Amino acid sequence: MQIEVEDSRPIEAFCDEQFLHVSLADGRSLSAPLWWYPRLVKATPQARSKIEFMPLGMHWPEIDEDISVASILRGQRAPGAKPPAAA
């Protein structure tokens, strides 16, 4: 099954303390654990809020992080990402 790029275009995104949330042009909403992206975990809330949208994903210029919609859909974590220790 082929997915149209325009349909999967991110139109909104934000980070809370635990997740990256992304809204797509086709109405879907995705969430991924923030720990999947160590650069986002280490970034300030201000740096996390400065997002540039691209046709296939998002870019955070202050921390030089790029995340594609496809990687979120595949459950692909950033290299070196480790889950937080159990409390």
Protein backbone atom coordinates (compact mmCIF):
# COMPACT_ATOMS: atom_id res chain seq x y z
CA MET A 1 0.00 0.00 0.00
CA GLN A 2 1.39 3.38 -1.04
CA ILE A 3 0.74 6.37 1.22
CA GLU A 4 0.56 9.78 -0.40
CA VAL A 5 3.19 12.17 0.94
CA GLU A 6 0.72 15.04 1.14
CA ASP A 7 -1.56 12.94 3.36
CA SER A 8 1.25 12.24 5.85
CA ARG A 9 2.53 15.81 5.98
CA PRO A 10 2.93 17.04 9.57
CA ILE A 11 0.93 20.19 10.26
CA GLU A 12 1.32 20.51 14.03
CA ALA A 13 3.66 19.09 16.67
CA PHE A 14 4.54 19.63 20.29
CA CYS A 15 6.37 17.91 23.12
CA ASP A 16 5.14 17.42 26.63
CA GLU A 17 7.27 15.89 29.38
CA GLN A 18 6.77 12.33 28.10
CA PHE A 19 5.75 12.35 24.44
CA LEU A 20 6.21 13.92 21.03
CA HIS A 21 2.75 14.55 19.55
CA VAL A 22 2.29 15.08 15.80
CA SER A 23 -0.86 15.91 13.81
CA LEU A 24 -0.90 14.98 10.11
CA ALA A 25 -2.68 16.62 7.18
CA ASP A 26 -4.96 13.59 6.79
CA GLY A 27 -6.33 13.96 10.33
CA ARG A 28 -4.22 11.31 12.06
CA SER A 29 -2.50 12.04 15.35
CA LEU A 30 0.72 10.28 16.32
CA SER A 31 2.55 10.15 19.63
CA ALA A 32 5.96 8.69 20.37
CA PRO A 33 7.79 8.44 23.68
CA LEU A 34 10.10 11.41 24.09
CA TRP A 35 12.93 9.13 25.24
CA TRP A 36 13.11 7.82 21.66
CA TYR A 37 14.77 11.16 20.83
CA PRO A 38 17.60 11.97 23.30
CA ARG A 39 18.21 15.41 21.78
CA LEU A 40 14.61 16.39 22.48
CA VAL A 41 14.83 15.02 26.03
CA LYS A 42 17.92 17.15 26.73
CA ALA A 43 16.54 20.28 25.03
CA THR A 44 14.88 23.14 26.84
CA PRO A 45 11.11 23.50 26.45
CA GLN A 46 11.79 26.64 24.39
CA ALA A 47 14.08 24.75 21.97
CA ARG A 48 11.52 21.94 21.70
CA SER A 49 8.82 24.42 20.73
CA LYS A 50 10.77 25.82 17.76
CA ILE A 51 9.80 23.37 15.04
CA GLU A 52 10.14 23.71 11.27
CA PHE A 53 7.78 21.54 9.25
CA MET A 54 8.94 19.75 6.12
CA PRO A 55 6.88 17.61 3.72
CA LEU A 56 8.11 14.38 5.31
CA GLY A 57 8.85 15.39 8.90
CA MET A 58 9.98 18.00 11.38
CA HIS A 59 13.24 19.84 12.11
CA TRP A 60 14.31 21.43 15.40
CA PRO A 61 16.96 23.98 14.35
CA GLU A 62 18.26 24.82 17.83
CA ILE A 63 19.21 21.20 18.53
CA ASP A 64 19.78 20.02 14.93
CA GLU A 65 17.21 17.22 15.19
CA ASP A 66 15.22 15.83 12.26
CA ILE A 67 12.42 13.32 12.72
CA SER A 68 10.44 11.87 9.84
CA VAL A 69 6.80 10.85 10.04
CA ALA A 70 7.79 7.49 8.54
CA SER A 71 10.24 6.82 11.38
CA ILE A 72 7.54 7.48 13.97
CA LEU A 73 5.14 5.16 12.14
CA ARG A 74 7.83 2.44 12.05
CA GLY A 75 8.61 2.86 15.75
CA GLN A 76 12.20 3.77 14.90
CA ARG A 77 14.15 5.32 17.78
CA ALA A 78 17.17 7.58 17.47
CA PRO A 79 20.51 5.76 17.75
CA GLY A 80 21.48 5.38 21.39
CA ALA A 81 17.96 5.97 22.73
CA LYS A 82 17.39 4.11 25.98
CA PRO A 83 14.19 3.82 27.99
CA PRO A 84 14.14 5.61 31.32
CA ALA A 85 14.95 3.50 34.36
CA ALA A 86 11.93 2.00 36.06
CA ALA A 87 10.86 3.98 39.10
